[in-house]
Amino acid sequence: MKLKVVEPLNTLFKDEVRRVGKTL
């Protein structure tokens, strides 16, 4: 695949992801 990986949420728990989504 030769691709670099970007994971913008890999420091968040599920409920934190939802709060970020709501703010977005």
PDBML (XML) file of the C-alpha atoms, coordinates in Angstrom:
<?xml version="1.0" encoding="UTF-8" ?>
<PDBx:datablock datablockName="MODEL"
   xmlns:PDBx="http://pdbml.pdb.org/schema/pdbx-v50.xsd"
   xmlns:xsi="http://www.w3.org/2001/XMLSchema-instance"
   xsi:schemaLocation="http://pdbml.pdb.org/schema/pdbx-v50.xsd pdbx-v50.xsd">
   <PDBx:atom_siteCategory>
      <PDBx:atom_site id="1">
         <PDBx:B_iso_or_equiv>0.00</PDBx:B_iso_or_equiv>
         <PDBx:Cartn_x>0.000</PDBx:Cartn_x>
         <PDBx:Cartn_y>0.000</PDBx:Cartn_y>
         <PDBx:Cartn_z>0.000</PDBx:Cartn_z>
         <PDBx:auth_asym_id>A</PDBx:auth_asym_id>
         <PDBx:auth_atom_id>CA</PDBx:auth_atom_id>
         <PDBx:auth_comp_id>MET</PDBx:auth_comp_id>
         <PDBx:auth_seq_id>1</PDBx:auth_seq_id>
         <PDBx:group_PDB>ATOM</PDBx:group_PDB>
         <PDBx:label_alt_id xsi:nil="true" />
         <PDBx:label_asym_id>A</PDBx:label_asym_id>
         <PDBx:label_atom_id>CA</PDBx:label_atom_id>
         <PDBx:label_comp_id>MET</PDBx:label_comp_id>
         <PDBx:label_entity_id>1</PDBx:label_entity_id>
         <PDBx:label_seq_id>1</PDBx:label_seq_id>
         <PDBx:occupancy>1.00</PDBx:occupancy>
         <PDBx:pdbx_PDB_model_num>1</PDBx:pdbx_PDB_model_num>
         <PDBx:type_symbol>C</PDBx:type_symbol>
      </PDBx:atom_site>
      <PDBx:atom_site id="2">
         <PDBx:B_iso_or_equiv>0.00</PDBx:B_iso_or_equiv>
         <PDBx:Cartn_x>2.977</PDBx:Cartn_x>
         <PDBx:Cartn_y>2.330</PDBx:Cartn_y>
         <PDBx:Cartn_z>0.585</PDBx:Cartn_z>
         <PDBx:auth_asym_id>A</PDBx:auth_asym_id>
         <PDBx:auth_atom_id>CA</PDBx:auth_atom_id>
         <PDBx:auth_comp_id>LYS</PDBx:auth_comp_id>
         <PDBx:auth_seq_id>2</PDBx:auth_seq_id>
         <PDBx:group_PDB>ATOM</PDBx:group_PDB>
         <PDBx:label_alt_id xsi:nil="true" />
         <PDBx:label_asym_id>A</PDBx:label_asym_id>
         <PDBx:label_atom_id>CA</PDBx:label_atom_id>
         <PDBx:label_comp_id>LYS</PDBx:label_comp_id>
         <PDBx:label_entity_id>1</PDBx:label_entity_id>
         <PDBx:label_seq_id>2</PDBx:label_seq_id>
         <PDBx:occupancy>1.00</PDBx:occupancy>
         <PDBx:pdbx_PDB_model_num>1</PDBx:pdbx_PDB_model_num>
         <PDBx:type_symbol>C</PDBx:type_symbol>
      </PDBx:atom_site>
      <PDBx:atom_site id="3">
         <PDBx:B_iso_or_equiv>0.00</PDBx:B_iso_or_equiv>
         <PDBx:Cartn_x>0.817</PDBx:Cartn_x>
         <PDBx:Cartn_y>4.839</PDBx:Cartn_y>
         <PDBx:Cartn_z>2.443</PDBx:Cartn_z>
         <PDBx:auth_asym_id>A</PDBx:auth_asym_id>
         <PDBx:auth_atom_id>CA</PDBx:auth_atom_id>
         <PDBx:auth_comp_id>LEU</PDBx:auth_comp_id>
         <PDBx:auth_seq_id>3</PDBx:auth_seq_id>
         <PDBx:group_PDB>ATOM</PDBx:group_PDB>
         <PDBx:label_alt_id xsi:nil="true" />
         <PDBx:label_asym_id>A</PDBx:label_asym_id>
         <PDBx:label_atom_id>CA</PDBx:label_atom_id>
         <PDBx:label_comp_id>LEU</PDBx:label_comp_id>
         <PDBx:label_entity_id>1</PDBx:label_entity_id>
         <PDBx:label_seq_id>3</PDBx:label_seq_id>
         <PDBx:occupancy>1.00</PDBx:occupancy>
         <PDBx:pdbx_PDB_model_num>1</PDBx:pdbx_PDB_model_num>
         <PDBx:type_symbol>C</PDBx:type_symbol>
      </PDBx:atom_site>
      <PDBx:atom_site id="4">
         <PDBx:B_iso_or_equiv>0.00</PDBx:B_iso_or_equiv>
         <PDBx:Cartn_x>1.503</PDBx:Cartn_x>
         <PDBx:Cartn_y>6.849</PDBx:Cartn_y>
         <PDBx:Cartn_z>5.553</PDBx:Cartn_z>
         <PDBx:auth_asym_id>A</PDBx:auth_asym_id>
         <PDBx:auth_atom_id>CA</PDBx:auth_atom_id>
         <PDBx:auth_comp_id>LYS</PDBx:auth_comp_id>
         <PDBx:auth_seq_id>4</PDBx:auth_seq_id>
         <PDBx:group_PDB>ATOM</PDBx:group_PDB>
         <PDBx:label_alt_id xsi:nil="true" />
         <PDBx:label_asym_id>A</PDBx:label_asym_id>
         <PDBx:label_atom_id>CA</PDBx:label_atom_id>
         <PDBx:label_comp_id>LYS</PDBx:label_comp_id>
         <PDBx:label_entity_id>1</PDBx:label_entity_id>
         <PDBx:label_seq_id>4</PDBx:label_seq_id>
         <PDBx:occupancy>1.00</PDBx:occupancy>
         <PDBx:pdbx_PDB_model_num>1</PDBx:pdbx_PDB_model_num>
         <PDBx:type_symbol>C</PDBx:type_symbol>
      </PDBx:atom_site>
      <PDBx:atom_site id="5">
         <PDBx:B_iso_or_equiv>0.00</PDBx:B_iso_or_equiv>
         <PDBx:Cartn_x>-1.211</PDBx:Cartn_x>
         <PDBx:Cartn_y>6.667</PDBx:Cartn_y>
         <PDBx:Cartn_z>8.234</PDBx:Cartn_z>
         <PDBx:auth_asym_id>A</PDBx:auth_asym_id>
         <PDBx:auth_atom_id>CA</PDBx:auth_atom_id>
         <PDBx:auth_comp_id>VAL</PDBx:auth_comp_id>
         <PDBx:auth_seq_id>5</PDBx:auth_seq_id>
         <PDBx:group_PDB>ATOM</PDBx:group_PDB>
         <PDBx:label_alt_id xsi:nil="true" />
         <PDBx:label_asym_id>A</PDBx:label_asym_id>
         <PDBx:label_atom_id>CA</PDBx:label_atom_id>
         <PDBx:label_comp_id>VAL</PDBx:label_comp_id>
         <PDBx:label_entity_id>1</PDBx:label_entity_id>
         <PDBx:label_seq_id>5</PDBx:label_seq_id>
         <PDBx:occupancy>1.00</PDBx:occupancy>
         <PDBx:pdbx_PDB_model_num>1</PDBx:pdbx_PDB_model_num>
         <PDBx:type_symbol>C</PDBx:type_symbol>
      </PDBx:atom_site>
      <PDBx:atom_site id="6">
         <PDBx:B_iso_or_equiv>0.00</PDBx:B_iso_or_equiv>
         <PDBx:Cartn_x>-3.041</PDBx:Cartn_x>
         <PDBx:Cartn_y>9.589</PDBx:Cartn_y>
         <PDBx:Cartn_z>9.806</PDBx:Cartn_z>
         <PDBx:auth_asym_id>A</PDBx:auth_asym_id>
         <PDBx:auth_atom_id>CA</PDBx:auth_atom_id>
         <PDBx:auth_comp_id>VAL</PDBx:auth_comp_id>
         <PDBx:auth_seq_id>6</PDBx:auth_seq_id>
         <PDBx:group_PDB>ATOM</PDBx:group_PDB>
         <PDBx:label_alt_id xsi:nil="true" />
         <PDBx:label_asym_id>A</PDBx:label_asym_id>
         <PDBx:label_atom_id>CA</PDBx:label_atom_id>
         <PDBx:label_comp_id>VAL</PDBx:label_comp_id>
         <PDBx:label_entity_id>1</PDBx:label_entity_id>
         <PDBx:label_seq_id>6</PDBx:label_seq_id>
         <PDBx:occupancy>1.00</PDBx:occupancy>
         <PDBx:pdbx_PDB_model_num>1</PDBx:pdbx_PDB_model_num>
         <PDBx:type_symbol>C</PDBx:type_symbol>
      </PDBx:atom_site>
      <PDBx:atom_site id="7">
         <PDBx:B_iso_or_equiv>0.00</PDBx:B_iso_or_equiv>
         <PDBx:Cartn_x>-5.376</PDBx:Cartn_x>
         <PDBx:Cartn_y>8.909</PDBx:Cartn_y>
         <PDBx:Cartn_z>12.757</PDBx:Cartn_z>
         <PDBx:auth_asym_id>A</PDBx:auth_asym_id>
         <PDBx:auth_atom_id>CA</PDBx:auth_atom_id>
         <PDBx:auth_comp_id>GLU</PDBx:auth_comp_id>
         <PDBx:auth_seq_id>7</PDBx:auth_seq_id>
         <PDBx:group_PDB>ATOM</PDBx:group_PDB>
         <PDBx:label_alt_id xsi:nil="true" />
         <PDBx:label_asym_id>A</PDBx:label_asym_id>
         <PDBx:label_atom_id>CA</PDBx:label_atom_id>
         <PDBx:label_comp_id>GLU</PDBx:label_comp_id>
         <PDBx:label_entity_id>1</PDBx:label_entity_id>
         <PDBx:label_seq_id>7</PDBx:label_seq_id>
         <PDBx:occupancy>1.00</PDBx:occupancy>
         <PDBx:pdbx_PDB_model_num>1</PDBx:pdbx_PDB_model_num>
         <PDBx:type_symbol>C</PDBx:type_symbol>
      </PDBx:atom_site>
      <PDBx:atom_site id="8">
         <PDBx:B_iso_or_equiv>0.00</PDBx:B_iso_or_equiv>
         <PDBx:Cartn_x>-6.867</PDBx:Cartn_x>
         <PDBx:Cartn_y>12.167</PDBx:Cartn_y>
         <PDBx:Cartn_z>14.060</PDBx:Cartn_z>
         <PDBx:auth_asym_id>A</PDBx:auth_asym_id>
         <PDBx:auth_atom_id>CA</PDBx:auth_atom_id>
         <PDBx:auth_comp_id>PRO</PDBx:auth_comp_id>
         <PDBx:auth_seq_id>8</PDBx:auth_seq_id>
         <PDBx:group_PDB>ATOM</PDBx:group_PDB>
         <PDBx:label_alt_id xsi:nil="true" />
         <PDBx:label_asym_id>A</PDBx:label_asym_id>
         <PDBx:label_atom_id>CA</PDBx:label_atom_id>
         <PDBx:label_comp_id>PRO</PDBx:label_comp_id>
         <PDBx:label_entity_id>1</PDBx:label_entity_id>
         <PDBx:label_seq_id>8</PDBx:label_seq_id>
         <PDBx:occupancy>1.00</PDBx:occupancy>
         <PDBx:pdbx_PDB_model_num>1</PDBx:pdbx_PDB_model_num>
         <PDBx:type_symbol>C</PDBx:type_symbol>
      </PDBx:atom_site>
      <PDBx:atom_site id="9">
         <PDBx:B_iso_or_equiv>0.00</PDBx:B_iso_or_equiv>
         <PDBx:Cartn_x>-8.892</PDBx:Cartn_x>
         <PDBx:Cartn_y>10.463</PDBx:Cartn_y>
         <PDBx:Cartn_z>16.818</PDBx:Cartn_z>
         <PDBx:auth_asym_id>A</PDBx:auth_asym_id>
         <PDBx:auth_atom_id>CA</PDBx:auth_atom_id>
         <PDBx:auth_comp_id>LEU</PDBx:auth_comp_id>
         <PDBx:auth_seq_id>9</PDBx:auth_seq_id>
         <PDBx:group_PDB>ATOM</PDBx:group_PDB>
         <PDBx:label_alt_id xsi:nil="true" />
         <PDBx:label_asym_id>A</PDBx:label_asym_id>
         <PDBx:label_atom_id>CA</PDBx:label_atom_id>
         <PDBx:label_comp_id>LEU</PDBx:label_comp_id>
         <PDBx:label_entity_id>1</PDBx:label_entity_id>
         <PDBx:label_seq_id>9</PDBx:label_seq_id>
         <PDBx:occupancy>1.00</PDBx:occupancy>
         <PDBx:pdbx_PDB_model_num>1</PDBx:pdbx_PDB_model_num>
         <PDBx:type_symbol>C</PDBx:type_symbol>
      </PDBx:atom_site>
      <PDBx:atom_site id="10">
         <PDBx:B_iso_or_equiv>0.00</PDBx:B_iso_or_equiv>
         <PDBx:Cartn_x>-6.389</PDBx:Cartn_x>
         <PDBx:Cartn_y>7.983</PDBx:Cartn_y>
         <PDBx:Cartn_z>18.230</PDBx:Cartn_z>
         <PDBx:auth_asym_id>A</PDBx:auth_asym_id>
         <PDBx:auth_atom_id>CA</PDBx:auth_atom_id>
         <PDBx:auth_comp_id>ASN</PDBx:auth_comp_id>
         <PDBx:auth_seq_id>10</PDBx:auth_seq_id>
         <PDBx:group_PDB>ATOM</PDBx:group_PDB>
         <PDBx:label_alt_id xsi:nil="true" />
         <PDBx:label_asym_id>A</PDBx:label_asym_id>
         <PDBx:label_atom_id>CA</PDBx:label_atom_id>
         <PDBx:label_comp_id>ASN</PDBx:label_comp_id>
         <PDBx:label_entity_id>1</PDBx:label_entity_id>
         <PDBx:label_seq_id>10</PDBx:label_seq_id>
         <PDBx:occupancy>1.00</PDBx:occupancy>
         <PDBx:pdbx_PDB_model_num>1</PDBx:pdbx_PDB_model_num>
         <PDBx:type_symbol>C</PDBx:type_symbol>
      </PDBx:atom_site>
      <PDBx:atom_site id="11">
         <PDBx:B_iso_or_equiv>0.00</PDBx:B_iso_or_equiv>
         <PDBx:Cartn_x>-6.156</PDBx:Cartn_x>
         <PDBx:Cartn_y>9.870</PDBx:Cartn_y>
         <PDBx:Cartn_z>21.539</PDBx:Cartn_z>
         <PDBx:auth_asym_id>A</PDBx:auth_asym_id>
         <PDBx:auth_atom_id>CA</PDBx:auth_atom_id>
         <PDBx:auth_comp_id>THR</PDBx:auth_comp_id>
         <PDBx:auth_seq_id>11</PDBx:auth_seq_id>
         <PDBx:group_PDB>ATOM</PDBx:group_PDB>
         <PDBx:label_alt_id xsi:nil="true" />
         <PDBx:label_asym_id>A</PDBx:label_asym_id>
         <PDBx:label_atom_id>CA</PDBx:label_atom_id>
         <PDBx:label_comp_id>THR</PDBx:label_comp_id>
         <PDBx:label_entity_id>1</PDBx:label_entity_id>
         <PDBx:label_seq_id>11</PDBx:label_seq_id>
         <PDBx:occupancy>1.00</PDBx:occupancy>
         <PDBx:pdbx_PDB_model_num>1</PDBx:pdbx_PDB_model_num>
         <PDBx:type_symbol>C</PDBx:type_symbol>
      </PDBx:atom_site>
      <PDBx:atom_site id="12">
         <PDBx:B_iso_or_equiv>0.00</PDBx:B_iso_or_equiv>
         <PDBx:Cartn_x>-9.918</PDBx:Cartn_x>
         <PDBx:Cartn_y>10.008</PDBx:Cartn_y>
         <PDBx:Cartn_z>22.188</PDBx:Cartn_z>
         <PDBx:auth_asym_id>A</PDBx:auth_asym_id>
         <PDBx:auth_atom_id>CA</PDBx:auth_atom_id>
         <PDBx:auth_comp_id>LEU</PDBx:auth_comp_id>
         <PDBx:auth_seq_id>12</PDBx:auth_seq_id>
         <PDBx:group_PDB>ATOM</PDBx:group_PDB>
         <PDBx:label_alt_id xsi:nil="true" />
         <PDBx:label_asym_id>A</PDBx:label_asym_id>
         <PDBx:label_atom_id>CA</PDBx:label_atom_id>
         <PDBx:label_comp_id>LEU</PDBx:label_comp_id>
         <PDBx:label_entity_id>1</PDBx:label_entity_id>
         <PDBx:label_seq_id>12</PDBx:label_seq_id>
         <PDBx:occupancy>1.00</PDBx:occupancy>
         <PDBx:pdbx_PDB_model_num>1</PDBx:pdbx_PDB_model_num>
         <PDBx:type_symbol>C</PDBx:type_symbol>
      </PDBx:atom_site>
      <PDBx:atom_site id="13">
         <PDBx:B_iso_or_equiv>0.00</PDBx:B_iso_or_equiv>
         <PDBx:Cartn_x>-12.444</PDBx:Cartn_x>
         <PDBx:Cartn_y>7.754</PDBx:Cartn_y>
         <PDBx:Cartn_z>23.898</PDBx:Cartn_z>
         <PDBx:auth_asym_id>A</PDBx:auth_asym_id>
         <PDBx:auth_atom_id>CA</PDBx:auth_atom_id>
         <PDBx:auth_comp_id>PHE</PDBx:auth_comp_id>
         <PDBx:auth_seq_id>13</PDBx:auth_seq_id>
         <PDBx:group_PDB>ATOM</PDBx:group_PDB>
         <PDBx:label_alt_id xsi:nil="true" />
         <PDBx:label_asym_id>A</PDBx:label_asym_id>
         <PDBx:label_atom_id>CA</PDBx:label_atom_id>
         <PDBx:label_comp_id>PHE</PDBx:label_comp_id>
         <PDBx:label_entity_id>1</PDBx:label_entity_id>
         <PDBx:label_seq_id>13</PDBx:label_seq_id>
         <PDBx:occupancy>1.00</PDBx:occupancy>
         <PDBx:pdbx_PDB_model_num>1</PDBx:pdbx_PDB_model_num>
         <PDBx:type_symbol>C</PDBx:type_symbol>
      </PDBx:atom_site>
      <PDBx:atom_site id="14">
         <PDBx:B_iso_or_equiv>0.00</PDBx:B_iso_or_equiv>
         <PDBx:Cartn_x>-15.788</PDBx:Cartn_x>
         <PDBx:Cartn_y>7.105</PDBx:Cartn_y>
         <PDBx:Cartn_z>22.179</PDBx:Cartn_z>
         <PDBx:auth_asym_id>A</PDBx:auth_asym_id>
         <PDBx:auth_atom_id>CA</PDBx:auth_atom_id>
         <PDBx:auth_comp_id>LYS</PDBx:auth_comp_id>
         <PDBx:auth_seq_id>14</PDBx:auth_seq_id>
         <PDBx:group_PDB>ATOM</PDBx:group_PDB>
         <PDBx:label_alt_id xsi:nil="true" />
         <PDBx:label_asym_id>A</PDBx:label_asym_id>
         <PDBx:label_atom_id>CA</PDBx:label_atom_id>
         <PDBx:label_comp_id>LYS</PDBx:label_comp_id>
         <PDBx:label_entity_id>1</PDBx:label_entity_id>
         <PDBx:label_seq_id>14</PDBx:label_seq_id>
         <PDBx:occupancy>1.00</PDBx:occupancy>
         <PDBx:pdbx_PDB_model_num>1</PDBx:pdbx_PDB_model_num>
         <PDBx:type_symbol>C</PDBx:type_symbol>
      </PDBx:atom_site>
      <PDBx:atom_site id="15">
         <PDBx:B_iso_or_equiv>0.00</PDBx:B_iso_or_equiv>
         <PDBx:Cartn_x>-17.774</PDBx:Cartn_x>
         <PDBx:Cartn_y>9.655</PDBx:Cartn_y>
         <PDBx:Cartn_z>24.204</PDBx:Cartn_z>
         <PDBx:auth_asym_id>A</PDBx:auth_asym_id>
         <PDBx:auth_atom_id>CA</PDBx:auth_atom_id>
         <PDBx:auth_comp_id>ASP</PDBx:auth_comp_id>
         <PDBx:auth_seq_id>15</PDBx:auth_seq_id>
         <PDBx:group_PDB>ATOM</PDBx:group_PDB>
         <PDBx:label_alt_id xsi:nil="true" />
         <PDBx:label_asym_id>A</PDBx:label_asym_id>
         <PDBx:label_atom_id>CA</PDBx:label_atom_id>
         <PDBx:label_comp_id>ASP</PDBx:label_comp_id>
         <PDBx:label_entity_id>1</PDBx:label_entity_id>
         <PDBx:label_seq_id>15</PDBx:label_seq_id>
         <PDBx:occupancy>1.00</PDBx:occupancy>
         <PDBx:pdbx_PDB_model_num>1</PDBx:pdbx_PDB_model_num>
         <PDBx:type_symbol>C</PDBx:type_symbol>
      </PDBx:atom_site>
      <PDBx:atom_site id="16">
         <PDBx:B_iso_or_equiv>0.00</PDBx:B_iso_or_equiv>
         <PDBx:Cartn_x>-15.077</PDBx:Cartn_x>
         <PDBx:Cartn_y>12.254</PDBx:Cartn_y>
         <PDBx:Cartn_z>23.538</PDBx:Cartn_z>
         <PDBx:auth_asym_id>A</PDBx:auth_asym_id>
         <PDBx:auth_atom_id>CA</PDBx:auth_atom_id>
         <PDBx:auth_comp_id>GLU</PDBx:auth_comp_id>
         <PDBx:auth_seq_id>16</PDBx:auth_seq_id>
         <PDBx:group_PDB>ATOM</PDBx:group_PDB>
         <PDBx:label_alt_id xsi:nil="true" />
         <PDBx:label_asym_id>A</PDBx:label_asym_id>
         <PDBx:label_atom_id>CA</PDBx:label_atom_id>
         <PDBx:label_comp_id>GLU</PDBx:label_comp_id>
         <PDBx:label_entity_id>1</PDBx:label_entity_id>
         <PDBx:label_seq_id>16</PDBx:label_seq_id>
         <PDBx:occupancy>1.00</PDBx:occupancy>
         <PDBx:pdbx_PDB_model_num>1</PDBx:pdbx_PDB_model_num>
         <PDBx:type_symbol>C</PDBx:type_symbol>
      </PDBx:atom_site>
      <PDBx:atom_site id="17">
         <PDBx:B_iso_or_equiv>0.00</PDBx:B_iso_or_equiv>
         <PDBx:Cartn_x>-15.377</PDBx:Cartn_x>
         <PDBx:Cartn_y>11.546</PDBx:Cartn_y>
         <PDBx:Cartn_z>19.799</PDBx:Cartn_z>
         <PDBx:auth_asym_id>A</PDBx:auth_asym_id>
         <PDBx:auth_atom_id>CA</PDBx:auth_atom_id>
         <PDBx:auth_comp_id>VAL</PDBx:auth_comp_id>
         <PDBx:auth_seq_id>17</PDBx:auth_seq_id>
         <PDBx:group_PDB>ATOM</PDBx:group_PDB>
         <PDBx:label_alt_id xsi:nil="true" />
         <PDBx:label_asym_id>A</PDBx:label_asym_id>
         <PDBx:label_atom_id>CA</PDBx:label_atom_id>
         <PDBx:label_comp_id>VAL</PDBx:label_comp_id>
         <PDBx:label_entity_id>1</PDBx:label_entity_id>
         <PDBx:label_seq_id>17</PDBx:label_seq_id>
         <PDBx:occupancy>1.00</PDBx:occupancy>
         <PDBx:pdbx_PDB_model_num>1</PDBx:pdbx_PDB_model_num>
         <PDBx:type_symbol>C</PDBx:type_symbol>
      </PDBx:atom_site>
      <PDBx:atom_site id="18">
         <PDBx:B_iso_or_equiv>0.00</PDBx:B_iso_or_equiv>
         <PDBx:Cartn_x>-19.117</PDBx:Cartn_x>
         <PDBx:Cartn_y>12.217</PDBx:Cartn_y>
         <PDBx:Cartn_z>20.040</PDBx:Cartn_z>
         <PDBx:auth_asym_id>A</PDBx:auth_asym_id>
         <PDBx:auth_atom_id>CA</PDBx:auth_atom_id>
         <PDBx:auth_comp_id>ARG</PDBx:auth_comp_id>
         <PDBx:auth_seq_id>18</PDBx:auth_seq_id>
         <PDBx:group_PDB>ATOM</PDBx:group_PDB>
         <PDBx:label_alt_id xsi:nil="true" />
         <PDBx:label_asym_id>A</PDBx:label_asym_id>
         <PDBx:label_atom_id>CA</PDBx:label_atom_id>
         <PDBx:label_comp_id>ARG</PDBx:label_comp_id>
         <PDBx:label_entity_id>1</PDBx:label_entity_id>
         <PDBx:label_seq_id>18</PDBx:label_seq_id>
         <PDBx:occupancy>1.00</PDBx:occupancy>
         <PDBx:pdbx_PDB_model_num>1</PDBx:pdbx_PDB_model_num>
         <PDBx:type_symbol>C</PDBx:type_symbol>
      </PDBx:atom_site>
      <PDBx:atom_site id="19">
         <PDBx:B_iso_or_equiv>0.00</PDBx:B_iso_or_equiv>
         <PDBx:Cartn_x>-18.521</PDBx:Cartn_x>
         <PDBx:Cartn_y>15.529</PDBx:Cartn_y>
         <PDBx:Cartn_z>21.850</PDBx:Cartn_z>
         <PDBx:auth_asym_id>A</PDBx:auth_asym_id>
         <PDBx:auth_atom_id>CA</PDBx:auth_atom_id>
         <PDBx:auth_comp_id>ARG</PDBx:auth_comp_id>
         <PDBx:auth_seq_id>19</PDBx:auth_seq_id>
         <PDBx:group_PDB>ATOM</PDBx:group_PDB>
         <PDBx:label_alt_id xsi:nil="true" />
         <PDBx:label_asym_id>A</PDBx:label_asym_id>
         <PDBx:label_atom_id>CA</PDBx:label_atom_id>
         <PDBx:label_comp_id>ARG</PDBx:label_comp_id>
         <PDBx:label_entity_id>1</PDBx:label_entity_id>
         <PDBx:label_seq_id>19</PDBx:label_seq_id>
         <PDBx:occupancy>1.00</PDBx:occupancy>
         <PDBx:pdbx_PDB_model_num>1</PDBx:pdbx_PDB_model_num>
         <PDBx:type_symbol>C</PDBx:type_symbol>
      </PDBx:atom_site>
      <PDBx:atom_site id="20">
         <PDBx:B_iso_or_equiv>0.00</PDBx:B_iso_or_equiv>
         <PDBx:Cartn_x>-16.027</PDBx:Cartn_x>
         <PDBx:Cartn_y>16.571</PDBx:Cartn_y>
         <PDBx:Cartn_z>19.181</PDBx:Cartn_z>
         <PDBx:auth_asym_id>A</PDBx:auth_asym_id>
         <PDBx:auth_atom_id>CA</PDBx:auth_atom_id>
         <PDBx:auth_comp_id>VAL</PDBx:auth_comp_id>
         <PDBx:auth_seq_id>20</PDBx:auth_seq_id>
         <PDBx:group_PDB>ATOM</PDBx:group_PDB>
         <PDBx:label_alt_id xsi:nil="true" />
         <PDBx:label_asym_id>A</PDBx:label_asym_id>
         <PDBx:label_atom_id>CA</PDBx:label_atom_id>
         <PDBx:label_comp_id>VAL</PDBx:label_comp_id>
         <PDBx:label_entity_id>1</PDBx:label_entity_id>
         <PDBx:label_seq_id>20</PDBx:label_seq_id>
         <PDBx:occupancy>1.00</PDBx:occupancy>
         <PDBx:pdbx_PDB_model_num>1</PDBx:pdbx_PDB_model_num>
         <PDBx:type_symbol>C</PDBx:type_symbol>
      </PDBx:atom_site>
      <PDBx:atom_site id="21">
         <PDBx:B_iso_or_equiv>0.00</PDBx:B_iso_or_equiv>
         <PDBx:Cartn_x>-18.541</PDBx:Cartn_x>
         <PDBx:Cartn_y>15.596</PDBx:Cartn_y>
         <PDBx:Cartn_z>16.500</PDBx:Cartn_z>
         <PDBx:auth_asym_id>A</PDBx:auth_asym_id>
         <PDBx:auth_atom_id>CA</PDBx:auth_atom_id>
         <PDBx:auth_comp_id>GLY</PDBx:auth_comp_id>
         <PDBx:auth_seq_id>21</PDBx:auth_seq_id>
         <PDBx:group_PDB>ATOM</PDBx:group_PDB>
         <PDBx:label_alt_id xsi:nil="true" />
         <PDBx:label_asym_id>A</PDBx:label_asym_id>
         <PDBx:label_atom_id>CA</PDBx:label_atom_id>
         <PDBx:label_comp_id>GLY</PDBx:label_comp_id>
         <PDBx:label_entity_id>1</PDBx:label_entity_id>
         <PDBx:label_seq_id>21</PDBx:label_seq_id>
         <PDBx:occupancy>1.00</PDBx:occupancy>
         <PDBx:pdbx_PDB_model_num>1</PDBx:pdbx_PDB_model_num>
         <PDBx:type_symbol>C</PDBx:type_symbol>
      </PDBx:atom_site>
      <PDBx:atom_site id="22">
         <PDBx:B_iso_or_equiv>0.00</PDBx:B_iso_or_equiv>
         <PDBx:Cartn_x>-21.242</PDBx:Cartn_x>
         <PDBx:Cartn_y>17.684</PDBx:Cartn_y>
         <PDBx:Cartn_z>18.155</PDBx:Cartn_z>
         <PDBx:auth_asym_id>A</PDBx:auth_asym_id>
         <PDBx:auth_atom_id>CA</PDBx:auth_atom_id>
         <PDBx:auth_comp_id>LYS</PDBx:auth_comp_id>
         <PDBx:auth_seq_id>22</PDBx:auth_seq_id>
         <PDBx:group_PDB>ATOM</PDBx:group_PDB>
         <PDBx:label_alt_id xsi:nil="true" />
         <PDBx:label_asym_id>A</PDBx:label_asym_id>
         <PDBx:label_atom_id>CA</PDBx:label_atom_id>
         <PDBx:label_comp_id>LYS</PDBx:label_comp_id>
         <PDBx:label_entity_id>1</PDBx:label_entity_id>
         <PDBx:label_seq_id>22</PDBx:label_seq_id>
         <PDBx:occupancy>1.00</PDBx:occupancy>
         <PDBx:pdbx_PDB_model_num>1</PDBx:pdbx_PDB_model_num>
         <PDBx:type_symbol>C</PDBx:type_symbol>
      </PDBx:atom_site>
      <PDBx:atom_site id="23">
         <PDBx:B_iso_or_equiv>0.00</PDBx:B_iso_or_equiv>
         <PDBx:Cartn_x>-18.898</PDBx:Cartn_x>
         <PDBx:Cartn_y>20.692</PDBx:Cartn_y>
         <PDBx:Cartn_z>18.304</PDBx:Cartn_z>
         <PDBx:auth_asym_id>A</PDBx:auth_asym_id>
         <PDBx:auth_atom_id>CA</PDBx:auth_atom_id>
         <PDBx:auth_comp_id>THR</PDBx:auth_comp_id>
         <PDBx:auth_seq_id>23</PDBx:auth_seq_id>
         <PDBx:group_PDB>ATOM</PDBx:group_PDB>
         <PDBx:label_alt_id xsi:nil="true" />
         <PDBx:label_asym_id>A</PDBx:label_asym_id>
         <PDBx:label_atom_id>CA</PDBx:label_atom_id>
         <PDBx:label_comp_id>THR</PDBx:label_comp_id>
         <PDBx:label_entity_id>1</PDBx:label_entity_id>
         <PDBx:label_seq_id>23</PDBx:label_seq_id>
         <PDBx:occupancy>1.00</PDBx:occupancy>
         <PDBx:pdbx_PDB_model_num>1</PDBx:pdbx_PDB_model_num>
         <PDBx:type_symbol>C</PDBx:type_symbol>
      </PDBx:atom_site>
      <PDBx:atom_site id="24">
         <PDBx:B_iso_or_equiv>0.00</PDBx:B_iso_or_equiv>
         <PDBx:Cartn_x>-18.169</PDBx:Cartn_x>
         <PDBx:Cartn_y>20.144</PDBx:Cartn_y>
         <PDBx:Cartn_z>14.587</PDBx:Cartn_z>
         <PDBx:auth_asym_id>A</PDBx:auth_asym_id>
         <PDBx:auth_atom_id>CA</PDBx:auth_atom_id>
         <PDBx:auth_comp_id>LEU</PDBx:auth_comp_id>
         <PDBx:auth_seq_id>24</PDBx:auth_seq_id>
         <PDBx:group_PDB>ATOM</PDBx:group_PDB>
         <PDBx:label_alt_id xsi:nil="true" />
         <PDBx:label_asym_id>A</PDBx:label_asym_id>
         <PDBx:label_atom_id>CA</PDBx:label_atom_id>
         <PDBx:label_comp_id>LEU</PDBx:label_comp_id>
         <PDBx:label_entity_id>1</PDBx:label_entity_id>
         <PDBx:label_seq_id>24</PDBx:label_seq_id>
         <PDBx:occupancy>1.00</PDBx:occupancy>
         <PDBx:pdbx_PDB_model_num>1</PDBx:pdbx_PDB_model_num>
         <PDBx:type_symbol>C</PDBx:type_symbol>
      </PDBx:atom_site>
   </PDBx:atom_siteCategory>
</PDBx:datablock>
